[in-house]
Amino acid sequence: MRIVALNDTLLADVEQLMALGEPYVRARTSSDYWLYSALFSTTCPVAVIDGRVVGAVVAMRSQDDPGDIYVQDVMTHPEHRGQGIAQALLQSVIDQATAWQCHRIYLTSEPDNRAAATTWAKLGFTNLPGDQVIDGIQVISNFKGPGKDRAVYQLTLP
């Protein structure tokens, strides 16, 4: 497996990969992926096996607090799950965040996405306290707008 930065030659493949993540990952538009490639490539790693895109992360460094990196999407191709791809991709983001001396990486998840919650915990992310608990997961109501409750996870960096 090779981990490479998102670039123009991978845009269509990453867009197709993200479309496989419904209902938890929503594919963005082609122009969105172009923008991620142009502005955030160092925090948007892509996993490639035998020339095929099998995983990708879209993450961005905060402009309000450059010590924060927000992970927008994590996706592993269904045929390649359980092989450590998400871990390798997120480690790439962690390595970049550490090089920049960031202090945290955070992400949100749908409250019922148990596979994601398990992955985040395995990678050392903690579920931040919320105002409600759904199936043992702390959830913040309206975190991404009215009716968009999310579980928020954080990895504190040294």
N, C-alpha and C. Protein backbone atom coordinates (compact mmCIF):
# COMPACT_ATOMS: atom_id res chain seq x y z
N MET A 1 0.85 -1.19 0.00
CA MET A 1 0.00 0.00 0.00
C MET A 1 0.89 1.24 0.00
N ARG A 2 0.53 2.17 -0.86
CA ARG A 2 1.19 3.48 -0.89
C ARG A 2 0.22 4.52 -0.36
N ILE A 3 0.74 5.46 0.41
CA ILE A 3 -0.05 6.61 0.87
C ILE A 3 0.50 7.82 0.12
N VAL A 4 -0.39 8.50 -0.62
CA VAL A 4 0.01 9.67 -1.39
C VAL A 4 -0.94 10.82 -1.07
N ALA A 5 -0.49 12.02 -1.35
CA ALA A 5 -1.35 13.19 -1.16
C ALA A 5 -2.39 13.25 -2.27
N LEU A 6 -3.58 13.70 -1.91
CA LEU A 6 -4.63 13.89 -2.92
C LEU A 6 -4.09 14.81 -4.01
N ASN A 7 -4.29 14.39 -5.27
CA ASN A 7 -3.82 15.20 -6.40
C ASN A 7 -4.81 15.05 -7.55
N ASP A 8 -4.60 15.86 -8.58
CA ASP A 8 -5.54 15.92 -9.70
C ASP A 8 -5.81 14.57 -10.36
N THR A 9 -4.82 13.70 -10.40
CA THR A 9 -5.02 12.41 -11.07
C THR A 9 -5.89 11.45 -10.26
N LEU A 10 -6.11 11.74 -8.98
CA LEU A 10 -6.88 10.85 -8.11
C LEU A 10 -8.29 11.35 -7.82
N LEU A 11 -8.62 12.54 -8.29
CA LEU A 11 -9.88 13.17 -7.90
C LEU A 11 -11.11 12.32 -8.20
N ALA A 12 -11.23 11.83 -9.42
CA ALA A 12 -12.41 11.04 -9.80
C ALA A 12 -12.50 9.76 -8.99
N ASP A 13 -11.36 9.11 -8.75
CA ASP A 13 -11.36 7.87 -7.98
C ASP A 13 -11.74 8.12 -6.53
N VAL A 14 -11.27 9.21 -5.96
CA VAL A 14 -11.62 9.53 -4.57
C VAL A 14 -13.11 9.87 -4.48
N GLU A 15 -13.62 10.61 -5.45
CA GLU A 15 -15.04 10.94 -5.45
C GLU A 15 -15.89 9.66 -5.52
N GLN A 16 -15.50 8.72 -6.37
CA GLN A 16 -16.23 7.44 -6.47
C GLN A 16 -16.12 6.64 -5.18
N LEU A 17 -14.95 6.64 -4.57
CA LEU A 17 -14.76 5.94 -3.30
C LEU A 17 -15.67 6.52 -2.23
N MET A 18 -15.70 7.82 -2.10
CA MET A 18 -16.51 8.47 -1.08
C MET A 18 -18.00 8.17 -1.27
N ALA A 19 -18.43 8.02 -2.51
CA ALA A 19 -19.84 7.71 -2.78
C ALA A 19 -20.24 6.35 -2.20
N LEU A 20 -19.27 5.48 -1.97
CA LEU A 20 -19.55 4.17 -1.38
C LEU A 20 -19.83 4.26 0.12
N GLY A 21 -19.61 5.42 0.70
CA GLY A 21 -19.75 5.58 2.15
C GLY A 21 -21.12 5.94 2.65
N GLU A 22 -22.07 6.11 1.76
CA GLU A 22 -23.43 6.46 2.20
C GLU A 22 -23.94 5.43 3.20
N PRO A 23 -24.64 5.78 4.22
CA PRO A 23 -25.17 7.11 4.52
C PRO A 23 -24.25 7.97 5.38
N TYR A 24 -23.09 7.42 5.81
CA TYR A 24 -22.26 8.15 6.76
C TYR A 24 -21.27 9.11 6.12
N VAL A 25 -20.80 8.78 4.94
CA VAL A 25 -19.91 9.67 4.19
C VAL A 25 -20.67 10.11 2.95
N ARG A 26 -20.73 11.40 2.76
CA ARG A 26 -21.44 11.95 1.60
C ARG A 26 -20.41 12.46 0.61
N ALA A 27 -20.45 11.91 -0.59
CA ALA A 27 -19.52 12.37 -1.62
C ALA A 27 -19.78 13.84 -1.92
N ARG A 28 -18.72 14.58 -2.03
CA ARG A 28 -18.80 16.00 -2.38
C ARG A 28 -18.77 16.11 -3.91
N THR A 29 -18.72 17.33 -4.39
CA THR A 29 -18.67 17.54 -5.84
C THR A 29 -17.23 17.45 -6.35
N SER A 30 -17.09 17.30 -7.63
CA SER A 30 -15.76 17.26 -8.24
C SER A 30 -14.97 18.51 -7.92
N SER A 31 -15.64 19.65 -7.91
CA SER A 31 -14.92 20.89 -7.61
C SER A 31 -14.47 20.93 -6.15
N ASP A 32 -15.23 20.29 -5.25
CA ASP A 32 -14.80 20.22 -3.85
C ASP A 32 -13.50 19.43 -3.74
N TYR A 33 -13.44 18.28 -4.41
CA TYR A 33 -12.23 17.46 -4.33
C TYR A 33 -11.05 18.17 -4.99
N TRP A 34 -11.31 18.91 -6.05
CA TRP A 34 -10.24 19.70 -6.65
C TRP A 34 -9.72 20.72 -5.63
N LEU A 35 -10.63 21.37 -4.92
CA LEU A 35 -10.25 22.35 -3.91
C LEU A 35 -9.44 21.70 -2.78
N TYR A 36 -9.88 20.55 -2.31
CA TYR A 36 -9.12 19.85 -1.26
C TYR A 36 -7.71 19.54 -1.75
N SER A 37 -7.61 19.11 -3.00
CA SER A 37 -6.32 18.80 -3.60
C SER A 37 -5.44 20.04 -3.69
N ALA A 38 -6.04 21.15 -4.07
CA ALA A 38 -5.27 22.38 -4.27
C ALA A 38 -4.88 23.05 -2.96
N LEU A 39 -5.74 22.96 -1.94
CA LEU A 39 -5.49 23.71 -0.70
C LEU A 39 -5.09 22.87 0.51
N PHE A 40 -5.46 21.59 0.52
CA PHE A 40 -5.26 20.79 1.73
C PHE A 40 -4.59 19.44 1.45
N SER A 41 -3.83 19.33 0.39
CA SER A 41 -3.31 18.02 -0.01
C SER A 41 -2.46 17.36 1.07
N THR A 42 -1.78 18.14 1.91
CA THR A 42 -0.93 17.54 2.93
C THR A 42 -1.73 16.88 4.05
N THR A 43 -3.02 17.19 4.16
CA THR A 43 -3.87 16.54 5.16
C THR A 43 -4.99 15.74 4.49
N CYS A 44 -4.80 15.42 3.22
CA CYS A 44 -5.76 14.59 2.50
C CYS A 44 -5.03 13.40 1.88
N PRO A 45 -4.62 12.44 2.72
CA PRO A 45 -3.91 11.28 2.18
C PRO A 45 -4.85 10.29 1.50
N VAL A 46 -4.30 9.59 0.52
CA VAL A 46 -5.04 8.60 -0.25
C VAL A 46 -4.23 7.30 -0.23
N ALA A 47 -4.91 6.19 0.03
CA ALA A 47 -4.27 4.87 0.01
C ALA A 47 -4.49 4.23 -1.35
N VAL A 48 -3.41 3.73 -1.93
CA VAL A 48 -3.46 3.11 -3.25
C VAL A 48 -2.82 1.72 -3.16
N ILE A 49 -3.54 0.72 -3.66
CA ILE A 49 -3.02 -0.64 -3.75
C ILE A 49 -3.18 -1.09 -5.19
N ASP A 50 -2.06 -1.50 -5.78
CA ASP A 50 -2.07 -1.98 -7.18
C ASP A 50 -2.75 -0.98 -8.12
N GLY A 51 -2.47 0.30 -7.92
CA GLY A 51 -3.02 1.34 -8.78
C GLY A 51 -4.46 1.70 -8.50
N ARG A 52 -5.06 1.11 -7.49
CA ARG A 52 -6.48 1.34 -7.17
C ARG A 52 -6.60 2.12 -5.87
N VAL A 53 -7.42 3.16 -5.87
CA VAL A 53 -7.68 3.94 -4.66
C VAL A 53 -8.56 3.09 -3.74
N VAL A 54 -8.05 2.82 -2.52
CA VAL A 54 -8.78 1.96 -1.58
C VAL A 54 -9.13 2.68 -0.28
N GLY A 55 -8.66 3.90 -0.13
CA GLY A 55 -8.98 4.66 1.07
C GLY A 55 -8.57 6.11 0.90
N ALA A 56 -9.26 6.97 1.65
CA ALA A 56 -8.92 8.40 1.58
C ALA A 56 -9.42 9.10 2.83
N VAL A 57 -8.73 10.16 3.18
CA VAL A 57 -9.12 11.05 4.27
C VAL A 57 -9.14 12.46 3.72
N VAL A 58 -10.17 13.20 4.11
CA VAL A 58 -10.22 14.63 3.82
C VAL A 58 -10.15 15.33 5.17
N ALA A 59 -9.10 16.10 5.37
CA ALA A 59 -8.91 16.82 6.62
C ALA A 59 -8.34 18.20 6.31
N MET A 60 -8.59 19.14 7.20
CA MET A 60 -8.17 20.52 6.99
C MET A 60 -7.63 21.13 8.27
N ARG A 61 -6.63 21.95 8.13
CA ARG A 61 -6.12 22.71 9.26
C ARG A 61 -7.01 23.93 9.45
N SER A 62 -7.36 24.18 10.70
CA SER A 62 -8.24 25.30 11.00
C SER A 62 -7.55 26.64 10.71
N GLN A 63 -8.31 27.53 10.13
CA GLN A 63 -7.81 28.89 9.93
C GLN A 63 -8.04 29.73 11.18
N ASP A 64 -9.02 29.35 12.01
CA ASP A 64 -9.28 30.08 13.25
C ASP A 64 -8.31 29.69 14.35
N ASP A 65 -7.97 28.40 14.40
CA ASP A 65 -6.99 27.91 15.37
C ASP A 65 -6.07 26.94 14.64
N PRO A 66 -4.92 27.42 14.16
CA PRO A 66 -4.02 26.56 13.39
C PRO A 66 -3.49 25.35 14.16
N GLY A 67 -3.79 25.28 15.45
CA GLY A 67 -3.42 24.11 16.23
C GLY A 67 -4.39 22.97 16.10
N ASP A 68 -5.49 23.20 15.38
CA ASP A 68 -6.53 22.19 15.19
C ASP A 68 -6.54 21.68 13.75
N ILE A 69 -6.77 20.38 13.64
CA ILE A 69 -7.05 19.79 12.33
C ILE A 69 -8.39 19.09 12.44
N TYR A 70 -9.26 19.40 11.50
CA TYR A 70 -10.59 18.78 11.46
C TYR A 70 -10.61 17.73 10.36
N VAL A 71 -11.00 16.52 10.72
CA VAL A 71 -11.13 15.43 9.76
C VAL A 71 -12.59 15.41 9.30
N GLN A 72 -12.78 15.69 8.03
CA GLN A 72 -14.13 15.75 7.47
C GLN A 72 -14.65 14.38 7.07
N ASP A 73 -13.82 13.60 6.36
CA ASP A 73 -14.25 12.30 5.86
C ASP A 73 -13.12 11.29 5.97
N VAL A 74 -13.49 10.07 6.32
CA VAL A 74 -12.57 8.92 6.31
C VAL A 74 -13.32 7.81 5.60
N MET A 75 -12.71 7.25 4.58
CA MET A 75 -13.39 6.19 3.83
C MET A 75 -12.39 5.13 3.40
N THR A 76 -12.76 3.88 3.66
CA THR A 76 -12.01 2.73 3.17
C THR A 76 -12.95 1.93 2.27
N HIS A 77 -12.45 1.50 1.13
CA HIS A 77 -13.26 0.70 0.21
C HIS A 77 -13.77 -0.53 0.96
N PRO A 78 -15.06 -0.86 0.80
CA PRO A 78 -15.64 -2.01 1.52
C PRO A 78 -14.86 -3.32 1.37
N GLU A 79 -14.23 -3.53 0.23
CA GLU A 79 -13.46 -4.77 0.02
C GLU A 79 -12.13 -4.77 0.75
N HIS A 80 -11.75 -3.63 1.32
CA HIS A 80 -10.43 -3.51 1.96
C HIS A 80 -10.53 -3.13 3.44
N ARG A 81 -11.71 -3.22 4.01
CA ARG A 81 -11.87 -2.87 5.42
C ARG A 81 -11.21 -3.92 6.31
N GLY A 82 -10.80 -3.46 7.48
CA GLY A 82 -10.16 -4.36 8.43
C GLY A 82 -8.71 -4.65 8.13
N GLN A 83 -8.11 -3.89 7.23
CA GLN A 83 -6.72 -4.11 6.84
C GLN A 83 -5.79 -3.01 7.33
N GLY A 84 -6.29 -2.11 8.18
CA GLY A 84 -5.45 -1.06 8.73
C GLY A 84 -5.31 0.17 7.84
N ILE A 85 -6.13 0.26 6.81
CA ILE A 85 -6.01 1.38 5.87
C ILE A 85 -6.41 2.69 6.53
N ALA A 86 -7.55 2.72 7.23
CA ALA A 86 -7.97 3.96 7.91
C ALA A 86 -6.92 4.37 8.93
N GLN A 87 -6.36 3.40 9.65
CA GLN A 87 -5.33 3.72 10.63
C GLN A 87 -4.11 4.33 9.95
N ALA A 88 -3.67 3.76 8.84
CA ALA A 88 -2.50 4.30 8.13
C ALA A 88 -2.77 5.70 7.60
N LEU A 89 -3.97 5.92 7.08
CA LEU A 89 -4.31 7.25 6.56
C LEU A 89 -4.36 8.28 7.68
N LEU A 90 -5.01 7.92 8.78
CA LEU A 90 -5.08 8.86 9.90
C LEU A 90 -3.71 9.08 10.53
N GLN A 91 -2.85 8.06 10.52
CA GLN A 91 -1.49 8.25 11.02
C GLN A 91 -0.76 9.28 10.17
N SER A 92 -1.02 9.29 8.88
CA SER A 92 -0.43 10.29 8.00
C SER A 92 -0.87 11.70 8.40
N VAL A 93 -2.15 11.84 8.73
CA VAL A 93 -2.66 13.14 9.18
C VAL A 93 -2.03 13.50 10.53
N ILE A 94 -1.93 12.53 11.43
CA ILE A 94 -1.31 12.77 12.74
C ILE A 94 0.14 13.20 12.57
N ASP A 95 0.86 12.54 11.68
CA ASP A 95 2.26 12.91 11.44
C ASP A 95 2.39 14.34 10.95
N GLN A 96 1.50 14.74 10.03
CA GLN A 96 1.53 16.11 9.53
C GLN A 96 1.18 17.10 10.64
N ALA A 97 0.16 16.77 11.42
CA ALA A 97 -0.25 17.63 12.53
C ALA A 97 0.90 17.80 13.54
N THR A 98 1.60 16.72 13.80
CA THR A 98 2.73 16.77 14.73
C THR A 98 3.84 17.65 14.16
N ALA A 99 4.11 17.51 12.87
CA ALA A 99 5.14 18.35 12.23
C ALA A 99 4.78 19.82 12.31
N TRP A 100 3.50 20.12 12.24
CA TRP A 100 3.04 21.51 12.35
C TRP A 100 2.88 21.96 13.81
N GLN A 101 3.13 21.05 14.74
CA GLN A 101 2.97 21.31 16.17
C GLN A 101 1.52 21.64 16.54
N CYS A 102 0.59 20.98 15.87
CA CYS A 102 -0.82 21.13 16.23
C CYS A 102 -1.07 20.45 17.57
N HIS A 103 -2.15 20.84 18.23
CA HIS A 103 -2.44 20.27 19.54
C HIS A 103 -3.60 19.29 19.54
N ARG A 104 -4.42 19.30 18.47
CA ARG A 104 -5.49 18.30 18.45
C ARG A 104 -5.99 18.06 17.04
N ILE A 105 -6.54 16.86 16.89
CA ILE A 105 -7.25 16.46 15.68
C ILE A 105 -8.64 16.09 16.16
N TYR A 106 -9.64 16.58 15.46
CA TYR A 106 -10.99 16.21 15.87
C TYR A 106 -11.84 15.90 14.66
N LEU A 107 -12.92 15.18 14.94
CA LEU A 107 -13.84 14.77 13.87
C LEU A 107 -15.21 14.54 14.49
N THR A 108 -16.19 14.44 13.63
CA THR A 108 -17.54 14.14 14.09
C THR A 108 -18.04 12.89 13.38
N SER A 109 -19.02 12.27 14.01
CA SER A 109 -19.61 11.06 13.44
C SER A 109 -21.10 11.06 13.71
N GLU A 110 -21.82 10.36 12.87
CA GLU A 110 -23.23 10.13 13.15
C GLU A 110 -23.29 9.30 14.44
N PRO A 111 -24.23 9.60 15.32
CA PRO A 111 -24.31 8.85 16.58
C PRO A 111 -24.48 7.35 16.42
N ASP A 112 -25.11 6.89 15.33
CA ASP A 112 -25.35 5.45 15.18
C ASP A 112 -24.27 4.74 14.35
N ASN A 113 -23.20 5.42 14.02
CA ASN A 113 -22.13 4.81 13.24
C ASN A 113 -21.17 4.09 14.19
N ARG A 114 -21.56 2.87 14.58
CA ARG A 114 -20.80 2.09 15.56
C ARG A 114 -19.41 1.72 15.03
N ALA A 115 -19.30 1.40 13.76
CA ALA A 115 -17.99 1.03 13.19
C ALA A 115 -17.02 2.20 13.33
N ALA A 116 -17.50 3.41 13.06
CA ALA A 116 -16.63 4.58 13.20
C ALA A 116 -16.23 4.78 14.66
N ALA A 117 -17.18 4.66 15.57
CA ALA A 117 -16.88 4.85 17.00
C ALA A 117 -15.80 3.86 17.45
N THR A 118 -15.89 2.63 16.99
CA THR A 118 -14.89 1.61 17.33
C THR A 118 -13.53 1.99 16.76
N THR A 119 -13.51 2.44 15.52
CA THR A 119 -12.25 2.84 14.88
C THR A 119 -11.62 4.01 15.61
N TRP A 120 -12.42 5.03 15.91
CA TRP A 120 -11.86 6.22 16.58
C TRP A 120 -11.26 5.83 17.93
N ALA A 121 -11.96 5.00 18.69
CA ALA A 121 -11.45 4.58 20.00
C ALA A 121 -10.15 3.79 19.84
N LYS A 122 -10.10 2.90 18.85
CA LYS A 122 -8.89 2.10 18.63
C LYS A 122 -7.69 2.99 18.29
N LEU A 123 -7.95 4.12 17.64
CA LEU A 123 -6.88 5.03 17.24
C LEU A 123 -6.53 6.06 18.32
N GLY A 124 -7.20 5.98 19.48
CA GLY A 124 -6.86 6.87 20.58
C GLY A 124 -7.71 8.12 20.70
N PHE A 125 -8.71 8.26 19.84
CA PHE A 125 -9.62 9.40 19.93
C PHE A 125 -10.56 9.18 21.12
N THR A 126 -10.92 10.27 21.79
CA THR A 126 -11.90 10.18 22.86
C THR A 126 -13.19 10.85 22.42
N ASN A 127 -14.28 10.28 22.87
CA ASN A 127 -15.62 10.81 22.59
C ASN A 127 -15.86 11.95 23.59
N LEU A 128 -15.98 13.17 23.09
CA LEU A 128 -16.17 14.32 23.97
C LEU A 128 -17.56 14.31 24.60
N PRO A 129 -17.67 14.83 25.81
CA PRO A 129 -18.97 14.87 26.48
C PRO A 129 -20.00 15.64 25.65
N GLY A 130 -21.21 15.12 25.66
CA GLY A 130 -22.30 15.76 24.94
C GLY A 130 -23.45 16.06 25.88
N ASP A 131 -24.55 16.50 25.32
CA ASP A 131 -25.72 16.80 26.13
C ASP A 131 -26.73 15.65 26.10
N GLN A 132 -26.39 14.57 25.39
CA GLN A 132 -27.22 13.37 25.39
C GLN A 132 -26.34 12.16 25.10
N VAL A 133 -26.85 10.98 25.44
CA VAL A 133 -26.13 9.74 25.19
C VAL A 133 -27.05 8.85 24.35
N ILE A 134 -26.50 8.37 23.23
CA ILE A 134 -27.25 7.48 22.34
C ILE A 134 -26.46 6.19 22.22
N ASP A 135 -27.04 5.10 22.71
CA ASP A 135 -26.38 3.79 22.66
C ASP A 135 -24.95 3.84 23.21
N GLY A 136 -24.77 4.56 24.31
CA GLY A 136 -23.47 4.64 24.95
C GLY A 136 -22.51 5.65 24.36
N ILE A 137 -22.92 6.39 23.34
CA ILE A 137 -22.08 7.39 22.68
C ILE A 137 -22.54 8.78 23.11
N GLN A 138 -21.60 9.60 23.56
CA GLN A 138 -21.90 10.99 23.91
C GLN A 138 -22.18 11.76 22.62
N VAL A 139 -23.25 12.54 22.61
CA VAL A 139 -23.69 13.25 21.40
C VAL A 139 -23.99 14.70 21.75
N ILE A 140 -23.56 15.61 20.89
CA ILE A 140 -23.84 17.03 21.05
C ILE A 140 -24.98 17.39 20.10
N SER A 141 -26.08 17.84 20.66
CA SER A 141 -27.25 18.21 19.85
C SER A 141 -26.94 19.41 18.97
N ASN A 142 -27.42 19.35 17.75
CA ASN A 142 -27.34 20.47 16.80
C ASN A 142 -25.90 20.92 16.53
N PHE A 143 -24.92 20.03 16.67
CA PHE A 143 -23.51 20.41 16.51
C PHE A 143 -23.22 20.96 15.12
N LYS A 144 -23.86 20.39 14.12
CA LYS A 144 -23.64 20.85 12.74
C LYS A 144 -24.87 21.54 12.19
N GLY A 145 -25.64 22.16 13.08
CA GLY A 145 -26.84 22.87 12.67
C GLY A 145 -28.07 22.21 13.26
N PRO A 146 -29.22 22.87 13.12
CA PRO A 146 -30.46 22.33 13.69
C PRO A 146 -30.75 20.91 13.22
N GLY A 147 -30.97 20.02 14.19
CA GLY A 147 -31.29 18.65 13.88
C GLY A 147 -30.12 17.79 13.45
N LYS A 148 -28.92 18.34 13.47
CA LYS A 148 -27.72 17.59 13.04
C LYS A 148 -26.85 17.28 14.26
N ASP A 149 -27.33 16.31 15.03
CA ASP A 149 -26.62 15.88 16.22
C ASP A 149 -25.40 15.06 15.81
N ARG A 150 -24.29 15.24 16.52
CA ARG A 150 -23.07 14.52 16.18
C ARG A 150 -22.33 14.08 17.43
N ALA A 151 -21.69 12.93 17.31
CA ALA A 151 -20.71 12.50 18.28
C ALA A 151 -19.40 13.17 17.86
N VAL A 152 -18.72 13.79 18.82
CA VAL A 152 -17.48 14.50 18.52
C VAL A 152 -16.33 13.75 19.19
N TYR A 153 -15.28 13.53 18.42
CA TYR A 153 -14.12 12.79 18.89
C TYR A 153 -12.88 13.66 18.75
N GLN A 154 -11.95 13.48 19.69
CA GLN A 154 -10.75 14.30 19.70
C GLN A 154 -9.53 13.44 20.01
N LEU A 155 -8.45 13.74 19.34
CA LEU A 155 -7.14 13.15 19.65
C LEU A 155 -6.24 14.30 20.04
N THR A 156 -5.80 14.29 21.29
CA THR A 156 -4.90 15.33 21.77
C THR A 156 -3.47 14.92 21.42
N LEU A 157 -2.75 15.84 20.81
CA LEU A 157 -1.38 15.58 20.40
C LEU A 157 -0.40 16.13 21.44
N PRO A 158 0.77 15.50 21.56
CA PRO A 158 1.75 15.98 22.56
C PRO A 158 2.30 17.35 22.20
